[in-house]
Amino acid sequence: PRTVVTIHDLGYFHFPQAHPPLARLYLDLSTRWNARVAAHVIADSQATKDDLVRHYAIAPGKITVAYPGRDEDLRRVDDPSAIEAVKYRYNVTGDYLLYIGTLQPRKNLTRLIQAFSNLQSQISDFKMVIAGGMGWLYADIFAEAKRLGLESQVLFPGRVAEEDKAALLSGAEAFVFPSLYEGFGLPVVEAMQCGTPVICSNTSSLPEVAGDAALLVDPLDVDALAQAMARLLDDADLRRTLIERGYAQAQRFSWAACAARVLAALESVAQG
């Protein structure tokens, strides 16, 4: 039987050190095999499609880009008491910058903590909230906060319940997502839906996802990341512009559009 396979990303090619060796080998072999034997491939982004063409010599015509959709129920929380209740639940006090995602090397969180440390003279009263479940090779992340003496300012509240996400995003001064590589990067869309200005990496699929609605930075440049955070906190006009653009950008990603593209690919395979 002919198959259609979805491939989310080839991050293990770009940042092999961010994956355990056996996982990297498995990802490479299984993705290569699936991409070659499938009748058609669905990719989460143009960046993933380009990687499949470049690394596995898959014909571009065999790949359809179908962006994932947003959760249309996720929206800004304007009730201060609701935001405060969620902050209390996760032991977050005062003003804060926010990251949400798995704690693993590919998310580039040690550099995020270094950039936050560089800003201490300007925003000593701010917290950096790094929320999410444990992935792998995460000990360095906690160690970096300790090394820089930021244990009281860098907070690790763990995994965020879906029903708390909107309030936590809405309460943040900015959402910072310095990931080294993403097949799509849904957290960026979620922050935009909640009216939170975004800073994210200028690599992989993230420029596609963010469009002109975020500050894009080189994720390997700690100073650039710190400067972007300082600029966003300092410039009210920029914040307003990014929030407005973010609402519009998030609307681009719908499950109806994704389903239509996937269905068209399936029908073309069925017709041979």
C-alpha atoms as a PDB file:
ATOM      1  CA  PRO A   1       0.000   0.000   0.000  1.00  0.00           C
ATOM      2  CA  ARG A   2       1.113   3.555  -0.659  1.00  0.00           C
ATOM      3  CA  THR A   3       1.721   5.704   2.404  1.00  0.00           C
ATOM      4  CA  VAL A   4       1.738   9.389   3.279  1.00  0.00           C
ATOM      5  CA  VAL A   5       4.033  10.374   6.146  1.00  0.00           C
ATOM      6  CA  THR A   6       4.261  13.575   8.218  1.00  0.00           C
ATOM      7  CA  ILE A   7       7.766  14.786   9.135  1.00  0.00           C
ATOM      8  CA  HIS A   8       8.015  17.559  11.704  1.00  0.00           C
ATOM      9  CA  ASP A   9      11.692  18.549  11.640  1.00  0.00           C
ATOM     10  CA  LEU A  10      15.294  17.511  11.018  1.00  0.00           C
ATOM     11  CA  GLY A  11      16.755  19.350  13.979  1.00  0.00           C
ATOM     12  CA  TYR A  12      19.173  16.486  14.699  1.00  0.00           C
ATOM     13  CA  PHE A  13      21.095  17.464  11.533  1.00  0.00           C
ATOM     14  CA  HIS A  14      21.580  21.072  12.575  1.00  0.00           C
ATOM     15  CA  PHE A  15      22.303  20.567  16.286  1.00  0.00           C
ATOM     16  CA  PRO A  16      23.382  16.935  16.765  1.00  0.00           C
ATOM     17  CA  GLN A  17      24.865  17.725  20.198  1.00  0.00           C
ATOM     18  CA  ALA A  18      21.347  18.511  21.453  1.00  0.00           C
ATOM     19  CA  HIS A  19      20.261  14.874  21.071  1.00  0.00           C
ATOM     20  CA  PRO A  20      21.544  11.713  22.777  1.00  0.00           C
ATOM     21  CA  PRO A  21      23.607   9.688  20.232  1.00  0.00           C
ATOM     22  CA  LEU A  22      21.203   6.717  20.000  1.00  0.00           C
ATOM     23  CA  ALA A  23      18.201   9.011  19.589  1.00  0.00           C
ATOM     24  CA  ARG A  24      20.040  10.891  16.826  1.00  0.00           C
ATOM     25  CA  LEU A  25      20.823   7.666  14.966  1.00  0.00           C
ATOM     26  CA  TYR A  26      17.235   6.452  15.274  1.00  0.00           C
ATOM     27  CA  LEU A  27      15.805   9.786  14.098  1.00  0.00           C
ATOM     28  CA  ASP A  28      18.119   9.905  11.085  1.00  0.00           C
ATOM     29  CA  LEU A  29      17.510   6.310   9.947  1.00  0.00           C
ATOM     30  CA  SER A  30      13.745   6.285  10.528  1.00  0.00           C
ATOM     31  CA  THR A  31      13.147   9.701   8.964  1.00  0.00           C
ATOM     32  CA  ARG A  32      15.326   8.911   5.939  1.00  0.00           C
ATOM     33  CA  TRP A  33      13.553   5.581   5.391  1.00  0.00           C
ATOM     34  CA  ASN A  34      10.042   6.980   5.855  1.00  0.00           C
ATOM     35  CA  ALA A  35      10.663   9.944   3.555  1.00  0.00           C
ATOM     36  CA  ARG A  36      12.011   7.698   0.790  1.00  0.00           C
ATOM     37  CA  VAL A  37       9.381   4.947   0.839  1.00  0.00           C
ATOM     38  CA  ALA A  38       6.339   7.190   1.298  1.00  0.00           C
ATOM     39  CA  ALA A  39       4.290   8.129  -1.752  1.00  0.00           C
ATOM     40  CA  HIS A  40       4.032  11.661  -0.379  1.00  0.00           C
ATOM     41  CA  VAL A  41       5.386  13.655   2.572  1.00  0.00           C
ATOM     42  CA  ILE A  42       3.636  16.302   4.678  1.00  0.00           C
ATOM     43  CA  ALA A  43       6.033  18.853   6.251  1.00  0.00           C
ATOM     44  CA  ASP A  44       5.189  21.281   9.078  1.00  0.00           C
ATOM     45  CA  SER A  45       7.047  24.162   7.397  1.00  0.00           C
ATOM     46  CA  GLN A  46       8.976  25.273   4.353  1.00  0.00           C
ATOM     47  CA  ALA A  47      12.136  24.966   6.474  1.00  0.00           C
ATOM     48  CA  THR A  48      11.438  21.249   7.017  1.00  0.00           C
ATOM     49  CA  LYS A  49      10.652  20.764   3.319  1.00  0.00           C
ATOM     50  CA  ASP A  50      13.949  22.451   2.369  1.00  0.00           C
ATOM     51  CA  ASP A  51      15.819  20.172   4.788  1.00  0.00           C
ATOM     52  CA  LEU A  52      14.215  17.047   3.301  1.00  0.00           C
ATOM     53  CA  VAL A  53      15.258  18.130  -0.185  1.00  0.00           C
ATOM     54  CA  ARG A  54      18.779  19.062   0.910  1.00  0.00           C
ATOM     55  CA  HIS A  55      19.646  16.186   3.251  1.00  0.00           C
ATOM     56  CA  TYR A  56      17.631  13.265   1.850  1.00  0.00           C
ATOM     57  CA  ALA A  57      17.288  14.293  -1.824  1.00  0.00           C
ATOM     58  CA  ILE A  58      13.486  14.050  -1.681  1.00  0.00           C
ATOM     59  CA  ALA A  59      11.877  15.570  -4.787  1.00  0.00           C
ATOM     60  CA  PRO A  60      10.242  18.924  -3.883  1.00  0.00           C
ATOM     61  CA  GLY A  61       7.054  17.893  -5.715  1.00  0.00           C
ATOM     62  CA  LYS A  62       6.669  14.953  -3.328  1.00  0.00           C
ATOM     63  CA  ILE A  63       6.384  17.266  -0.282  1.00  0.00           C
ATOM     64  CA  THR A  64       3.384  19.362   0.796  1.00  0.00           C
ATOM     65  CA  VAL A  65       3.823  22.074   3.436  1.00  0.00           C
ATOM     66  CA  ALA A  66       0.843  22.110   5.818  1.00  0.00           C
ATOM     67  CA  TYR A  67       1.228  24.490   8.754  1.00  0.00           C
ATOM     68  CA  PRO A  68      -0.382  23.225  11.975  1.00  0.00           C
ATOM     69  CA  GLY A  69      -3.368  25.202  13.204  1.00  0.00           C
ATOM     70  CA  ARG A  70      -3.767  27.243  16.366  1.00  0.00           C
ATOM     71  CA  ASP A  71      -6.022  26.418  19.296  1.00  0.00           C
ATOM     72  CA  GLU A  72      -8.877  28.799  18.483  1.00  0.00           C
ATOM     73  CA  ASP A  73     -10.078  28.786  22.120  1.00  0.00           C
ATOM     74  CA  LEU A  74      -6.786  30.244  23.353  1.00  0.00           C
ATOM     75  CA  ARG A  75      -7.108  33.997  23.859  1.00  0.00           C
ATOM     76  CA  ARG A  76      -5.891  36.866  26.004  1.00  0.00           C
ATOM     77  CA  VAL A  77      -6.916  36.958  29.682  1.00  0.00           C
ATOM     78  CA  ASP A  78      -7.641  40.558  30.733  1.00  0.00           C
ATOM     79  CA  ASP A  79      -8.855  39.828  34.272  1.00  0.00           C
ATOM     80  CA  PRO A  80      -5.973  40.761  36.625  1.00  0.00           C
ATOM     81  CA  SER A  81      -7.302  38.526  39.406  1.00  0.00           C
ATOM     82  CA  ALA A  82      -7.291  35.494  37.073  1.00  0.00           C
ATOM     83  CA  ILE A  83      -3.687  36.239  36.080  1.00  0.00           C
ATOM     84  CA  GLU A  84      -2.650  36.693  39.716  1.00  0.00           C
ATOM     85  CA  ALA A  85      -4.314  33.410  40.681  1.00  0.00           C
ATOM     86  CA  VAL A  86      -2.319  31.512  38.050  1.00  0.00           C
ATOM     87  CA  LYS A  87       0.920  33.307  38.995  1.00  0.00           C
ATOM     88  CA  TYR A  88       0.301  32.294  42.628  1.00  0.00           C
ATOM     89  CA  ARG A  89      -0.257  28.667  41.558  1.00  0.00           C
ATOM     90  CA  TYR A  90       3.166  28.608  39.853  1.00  0.00           C
ATOM     91  CA  ASN A  91       4.981  30.671  42.515  1.00  0.00           C
ATOM     92  CA  VAL A  92       5.584  33.609  40.158  1.00  0.00           C
ATOM     93  CA  THR A  93       5.748  37.078  41.712  1.00  0.00           C
ATOM     94  CA  GLY A  94       6.088  40.524  40.121  1.00  0.00           C
ATOM     95  CA  ASP A  95       6.874  41.289  36.472  1.00  0.00           C
ATOM     96  CA  TYR A  96       8.254  38.478  34.372  1.00  0.00           C
ATOM     97  CA  LEU A  97       9.537  37.331  30.999  1.00  0.00           C
ATOM     98  CA  LEU A  98       8.308  33.901  29.935  1.00  0.00           C
ATOM     99  CA  TYR A  99       9.481  30.832  28.061  1.00  0.00           C
ATOM    100  CA  ILE A 100       7.207  27.782  27.697  1.00  0.00           C
ATOM    101  CA  GLY A 101       8.494  24.539  26.197  1.00  0.00           C
ATOM    102  CA  THR A 102      10.381  21.366  26.972  1.00  0.00           C
ATOM    103  CA  LEU A 103      13.606  21.720  28.946  1.00  0.00           C
ATOM    104  CA  GLN A 104      16.235  20.265  26.600  1.00  0.00           C
ATOM    105  CA  PRO A 105      19.418  21.524  24.891  1.00  0.00           C
ATOM    106  CA  ARG A 106      17.775  22.401  21.546  1.00  0.00           C
ATOM    107  CA  LYS A 107      15.707  25.070  23.303  1.00  0.00           C
ATOM    108  CA  ASN A 108      18.885  27.064  24.036  1.00  0.00           C
ATOM    109  CA  LEU A 109      17.934  27.903  27.617  1.00  0.00           C
ATOM    110  CA  THR A 110      21.450  28.311  29.017  1.00  0.00           C
ATOM    111  CA  ARG A 111      21.982  31.227  26.606  1.00  0.00           C
ATOM    112  CA  LEU A 112      18.564  32.628  27.577  1.00  0.00           C
ATOM    113  CA  ILE A 113      19.666  32.636  31.221  1.00  0.00           C
ATOM    114  CA  GLN A 114      22.999  34.272  30.270  1.00  0.00           C
ATOM    115  CA  ALA A 115      21.149  36.989  28.311  1.00  0.00           C
ATOM    116  CA  PHE A 116      18.823  37.599  31.262  1.00  0.00           C
ATOM    117  CA  SER A 117      21.888  37.833  33.527  1.00  0.00           C
ATOM    118  CA  ASN A 118      23.359  40.508  31.227  1.00  0.00           C
ATOM    119  CA  LEU A 119      20.243  42.621  31.839  1.00  0.00           C
ATOM    120  CA  GLN A 120      20.329  42.498  35.628  1.00  0.00           C
ATOM    121  CA  SER A 121      21.464  46.121  35.996  1.00  0.00           C
ATOM    122  CA  GLN A 122      18.388  47.255  34.003  1.00  0.00           C
ATOM    123  CA  ILE A 123      15.691  44.843  35.151  1.00  0.00           C
ATOM    124  CA  SER A 124      16.827  43.538  38.525  1.00  0.00           C
ATOM    125  CA  ASP A 125      13.211  43.335  39.731  1.00  0.00           C
ATOM    126  CA  PHE A 126      12.104  41.076  36.828  1.00  0.00           C
ATOM    127  CA  LYS A 127      11.798  37.307  36.911  1.00  0.00           C
ATOM    128  CA  MET A 128      12.644  34.949  34.047  1.00  0.00           C
ATOM    129  CA  VAL A 129      10.051  32.167  34.103  1.00  0.00           C
ATOM    130  CA  ILE A 130      11.203  29.025  32.280  1.00  0.00           C
ATOM    131  CA  ALA A 131       8.136  26.781  32.255  1.00  0.00           C
ATOM    132  CA  GLY A 132       7.824  23.278  30.855  1.00  0.00           C
ATOM    133  CA  GLY A 133       8.418  19.616  31.496  1.00  0.00           C
ATOM    134  CA  MET A 134      11.805  17.925  31.684  1.00  0.00           C
ATOM    135  CA  GLY A 135      13.154  16.657  28.388  1.00  0.00           C
ATOM    136  CA  TRP A 136      16.742  15.376  28.386  1.00  0.00           C
ATOM    137  CA  LEU A 137      20.240  16.700  29.167  1.00  0.00           C
ATOM    138  CA  TYR A 138      18.638  19.487  31.215  1.00  0.00           C
ATOM    139  CA  ALA A 139      21.002  19.570  34.230  1.00  0.00           C
ATOM    140  CA  ASP A 140      23.093  22.332  32.588  1.00  0.00           C
ATOM    141  CA  ILE A 141      20.045  24.626  32.491  1.00  0.00           C
ATOM    142  CA  PHE A 142      19.563  24.547  36.275  1.00  0.00           C
ATOM    143  CA  ALA A 143      23.319  24.701  36.810  1.00  0.00           C
ATOM    144  CA  GLU A 144      23.604  27.890  34.728  1.00  0.00           C
ATOM    145  CA  ALA A 145      21.032  29.741  36.849  1.00  0.00           C
ATOM    146  CA  LYS A 146      22.925  28.649  39.962  1.00  0.00           C
ATOM    147  CA  ARG A 147      26.343  29.567  38.513  1.00  0.00           C
ATOM    148  CA  LEU A 148      25.125  33.092  37.731  1.00  0.00           C
ATOM    149  CA  GLY A 149      23.535  33.531  41.170  1.00  0.00           C
ATOM    150  CA  LEU A 150      20.045  33.865  39.688  1.00  0.00           C
ATOM    151  CA  GLU A 151      18.249  31.122  41.598  1.00  0.00           C
ATOM    152  CA  SER A 152      15.727  33.596  43.041  1.00  0.00           C
ATOM    153  CA  GLN A 153      15.118  35.354  39.689  1.00  0.00           C
ATOM    154  CA  VAL A 154      15.064  32.442  37.233  1.00  0.00           C
ATOM    155  CA  LEU A 155      12.004  30.357  38.077  1.00  0.00           C
ATOM    156  CA  PHE A 156      11.299  26.786  36.949  1.00  0.00           C
ATOM    157  CA  PRO A 157       7.599  26.149  37.691  1.00  0.00           C
ATOM    158  CA  GLY A 158       7.455  22.905  35.688  1.00  0.00           C
ATOM    159  CA  ARG A 159       4.801  21.879  33.207  1.00  0.00           C
ATOM    160  CA  VAL A 160       1.946  24.361  32.720  1.00  0.00           C
ATOM    161  CA  ALA A 161      -1.595  22.970  32.640  1.00  0.00           C
ATOM    162  CA  GLU A 162      -3.418  23.811  29.391  1.00  0.00           C
ATOM    163  CA  GLU A 163      -6.108  25.721  31.283  1.00  0.00           C
ATOM    164  CA  ASP A 164      -3.439  27.966  32.888  1.00  0.00           C
ATOM    165  CA  LYS A 165      -1.459  28.736  29.736  1.00  0.00           C
ATOM    166  CA  ALA A 166      -3.491  31.739  28.512  1.00  0.00           C
ATOM    167  CA  ALA A 167      -3.293  33.555  31.858  1.00  0.00           C
ATOM    168  CA  LEU A 168       0.436  32.898  32.278  1.00  0.00           C
ATOM    169  CA  LEU A 169       1.112  34.152  28.722  1.00  0.00           C
ATOM    170  CA  SER A 170      -1.173  37.168  29.159  1.00  0.00           C
ATOM    171  CA  GLY A 171       0.598  38.225  32.346  1.00  0.00           C
ATOM    172  CA  ALA A 172       4.097  38.137  30.833  1.00  0.00           C
ATOM    173  CA  GLU A 173       5.860  41.302  29.683  1.00  0.00           C
ATOM    174  CA  ALA A 174       7.314  39.320  26.777  1.00  0.00           C
ATOM    175  CA  PHE A 175       7.536  35.763  25.494  1.00  0.00           C
ATOM    176  CA  VAL A 176      11.116  34.729  24.690  1.00  0.00           C
ATOM    177  CA  PHE A 177      11.681  31.657  22.517  1.00  0.00           C
ATOM    178  CA  PRO A 178      15.384  31.359  21.576  1.00  0.00           C
ATOM    179  CA  SER A 179      15.168  27.771  20.278  1.00  0.00           C
ATOM    180  CA  LEU A 180      18.040  26.618  18.062  1.00  0.00           C
ATOM    181  CA  TYR A 181      15.712  24.734  15.742  1.00  0.00           C
ATOM    182  CA  GLU A 182      11.958  24.205  15.354  1.00  0.00           C
ATOM    183  CA  GLY A 183       9.916  22.299  12.802  1.00  0.00           C
ATOM    184  CA  PHE A 184       7.111  24.767  13.449  1.00  0.00           C
ATOM    185  CA  GLY A 185       7.211  26.552  16.826  1.00  0.00           C
ATOM    186  CA  LEU A 186       3.612  26.619  18.062  1.00  0.00           C
ATOM    187  CA  PRO A 187       4.439  28.452  21.346  1.00  0.00           C
ATOM    188  CA  VAL A 188       5.184  31.586  19.284  1.00  0.00           C
ATOM    189  CA  VAL A 189       1.659  31.488  17.821  1.00  0.00           C
ATOM    190  CA  GLU A 190       0.140  30.877  21.260  1.00  0.00           C
ATOM    191  CA  ALA A 191       1.909  33.916  22.722  1.00  0.00           C
ATOM    192  CA  MET A 192       0.674  36.076  19.839  1.00  0.00           C
ATOM    193  CA  GLN A 193      -2.898  34.874  20.394  1.00  0.00           C
ATOM    194  CA  CYS A 194      -2.626  36.097  23.993  1.00  0.00           C
ATOM    195  CA  GLY A 195      -1.352  39.551  23.028  1.00  0.00           C
ATOM    196  CA  THR A 196       2.153  38.937  24.392  1.00  0.00           C
ATOM    197  CA  PRO A 197       5.016  40.493  22.387  1.00  0.00           C
ATOM    198  CA  VAL A 198       7.464  37.868  21.125  1.00  0.00           C
ATOM    199  CA  ILE A 199      11.223  37.560  20.762  1.00  0.00           C
ATOM    200  CA  CYS A 200      12.307  34.440  18.884  1.00  0.00           C
ATOM    201  CA  SER A 201      15.147  32.955  16.874  1.00  0.00           C
ATOM    202  CA  ASN A 202      15.824  33.840  13.252  1.00  0.00           C
ATOM    203  CA  THR A 203      16.518  30.182  12.375  1.00  0.00           C
ATOM    204  CA  SER A 204      14.642  27.177  10.943  1.00  0.00           C
ATOM    205  CA  SER A 205      10.862  27.650  10.668  1.00  0.00           C
ATOM    206  CA  LEU A 206      10.594  30.468  13.200  1.00  0.00           C
ATOM    207  CA  PRO A 207      10.794  33.367  10.689  1.00  0.00           C
ATOM    208  CA  GLU A 208       7.903  31.717   8.781  1.00  0.00           C
ATOM    209  CA  VAL A 209       5.842  31.401  11.949  1.00  0.00           C
ATOM    210  CA  ALA A 210       6.634  34.857  13.344  1.00  0.00           C
ATOM    211  CA  GLY A 211       6.468  36.860  10.115  1.00  0.00           C
ATOM    212  CA  ASP A 212       6.887  40.570  10.894  1.00  0.00           C
ATOM    213  CA  ALA A 213       5.225  40.167  14.302  1.00  0.00           C
ATOM    214  CA  ALA A 214       8.278  39.394  16.483  1.00  0.00           C
ATOM    215  CA  LEU A 215      11.807  40.541  17.173  1.00  0.00           C
ATOM    216  CA  LEU A 216      14.036  37.955  15.484  1.00  0.00           C
ATOM    217  CA  VAL A 217      17.514  37.311  16.887  1.00  0.00           C
ATOM    218  CA  ASP A 218      20.460  34.996  16.279  1.00  0.00           C
ATOM    219  CA  PRO A 219      19.960  32.370  19.012  1.00  0.00           C
ATOM    220  CA  LEU A 220      23.746  31.894  19.367  1.00  0.00           C
ATOM    221  CA  ASP A 221      24.282  35.606  20.137  1.00  0.00           C
ATOM    222  CA  VAL A 222      23.698  36.171  23.863  1.00  0.00           C
ATOM    223  CA  ASP A 223      24.220  39.943  23.580  1.00  0.00           C
ATOM    224  CA  ALA A 224      21.677  40.240  20.761  1.00  0.00           C
ATOM    225  CA  LEU A 225      19.140  38.310  22.834  1.00  0.00           C
ATOM    226  CA  ALA A 226      19.728  40.589  25.831  1.00  0.00           C
ATOM    227  CA  GLN A 227      19.446  43.707  23.653  1.00  0.00           C
ATOM    228  CA  ALA A 228      16.159  42.478  22.155  1.00  0.00           C
ATOM    229  CA  MET A 229      14.703  41.930  25.633  1.00  0.00           C
ATOM    230  CA  ALA A 230      15.849  45.379  26.799  1.00  0.00           C
ATOM    231  CA  ARG A 231      14.480  47.035  23.661  1.00  0.00           C
ATOM    232  CA  LEU A 232      11.084  45.375  23.969  1.00  0.00           C
ATOM    233  CA  LEU A 233      10.715  46.319  27.639  1.00  0.00           C
ATOM    234  CA  ASP A 234      11.809  49.904  26.941  1.00  0.00           C
ATOM    235  CA  ASP A 235       9.814  50.735  23.793  1.00  0.00           C
ATOM    236  CA  ALA A 236       6.040  50.967  24.333  1.00  0.00           C
ATOM    237  CA  ASP A 237       5.353  51.743  20.654  1.00  0.00           C
ATOM    238  CA  LEU A 238       7.261  48.659  19.533  1.00  0.00           C
ATOM    239  CA  ARG A 239       5.326  46.553  22.027  1.00  0.00           C
ATOM    240  CA  ARG A 240       1.988  47.838  20.714  1.00  0.00           C
ATOM    241  CA  THR A 241       3.040  47.234  17.100  1.00  0.00           C
ATOM    242  CA  LEU A 242       4.181  43.661  17.771  1.00  0.00           C
ATOM    243  CA  ILE A 243       1.031  42.863  19.754  1.00  0.00           C
ATOM    244  CA  GLU A 244      -1.219  44.084  16.896  1.00  0.00           C
ATOM    245  CA  ARG A 245       0.809  42.265  14.263  1.00  0.00           C
ATOM    246  CA  GLY A 246       0.883  39.166  16.459  1.00  0.00           C
ATOM    247  CA  TYR A 247      -2.898  38.928  16.619  1.00  0.00           C
ATOM    248  CA  ALA A 248      -3.050  39.144  12.818  1.00  0.00           C
ATOM    249  CA  GLN A 249      -0.178  36.694  12.276  1.00  0.00           C
ATOM    250  CA  ALA A 250      -1.741  34.048  14.530  1.00  0.00           C
ATOM    251  CA  GLN A 251      -4.896  34.093  12.394  1.00  0.00           C
ATOM    252  CA  ARG A 252      -2.883  32.635   9.499  1.00  0.00           C
ATOM    253  CA  PHE A 253      -2.660  29.240  11.187  1.00  0.00           C
ATOM    254  CA  SER A 254      -5.931  27.298  11.154  1.00  0.00           C
ATOM    255  CA  TRP A 255      -6.671  23.588  11.302  1.00  0.00           C
ATOM    256  CA  ALA A 256      -9.189  24.022   8.468  1.00  0.00           C
ATOM    257  CA  ALA A 257      -6.443  25.267   6.134  1.00  0.00           C
ATOM    258  CA  CYS A 258      -4.091  22.503   7.333  1.00  0.00           C
ATOM    259  CA  ALA A 259      -6.768  19.833   6.743  1.00  0.00           C
ATOM    260  CA  ALA A 260      -7.478  21.149   3.243  1.00  0.00           C
ATOM    261  CA  ARG A 261      -3.810  20.880   2.258  1.00  0.00           C
ATOM    262  CA  VAL A 262      -3.452  17.379   3.747  1.00  0.00           C
ATOM    263  CA  LEU A 263      -6.664  16.211   2.057  1.00  0.00           C
ATOM    264  CA  ALA A 264      -5.448  17.499  -1.311  1.00  0.00           C
ATOM    265  CA  ALA A 265      -2.203  15.561  -0.877  1.00  0.00           C
ATOM    266  CA  LEU A 266      -4.064  12.367   0.084  1.00  0.00           C
ATOM    267  CA  GLU A 267      -6.402  12.696  -2.904  1.00  0.00           C
ATOM    268  CA  SER A 268      -3.482  13.164  -5.306  1.00  0.00           C
ATOM    269  CA  VAL A 269      -1.832   9.986  -3.938  1.00  0.00           C
ATOM    270  CA  ALA A 270      -5.131   8.056  -4.161  1.00  0.00           C
ATOM    271  CA  GLN A 271      -5.494   9.093  -7.819  1.00  0.00           C
ATOM    272  CA  GLY A 272      -1.962   7.884  -8.499  1.00  0.00           C
END
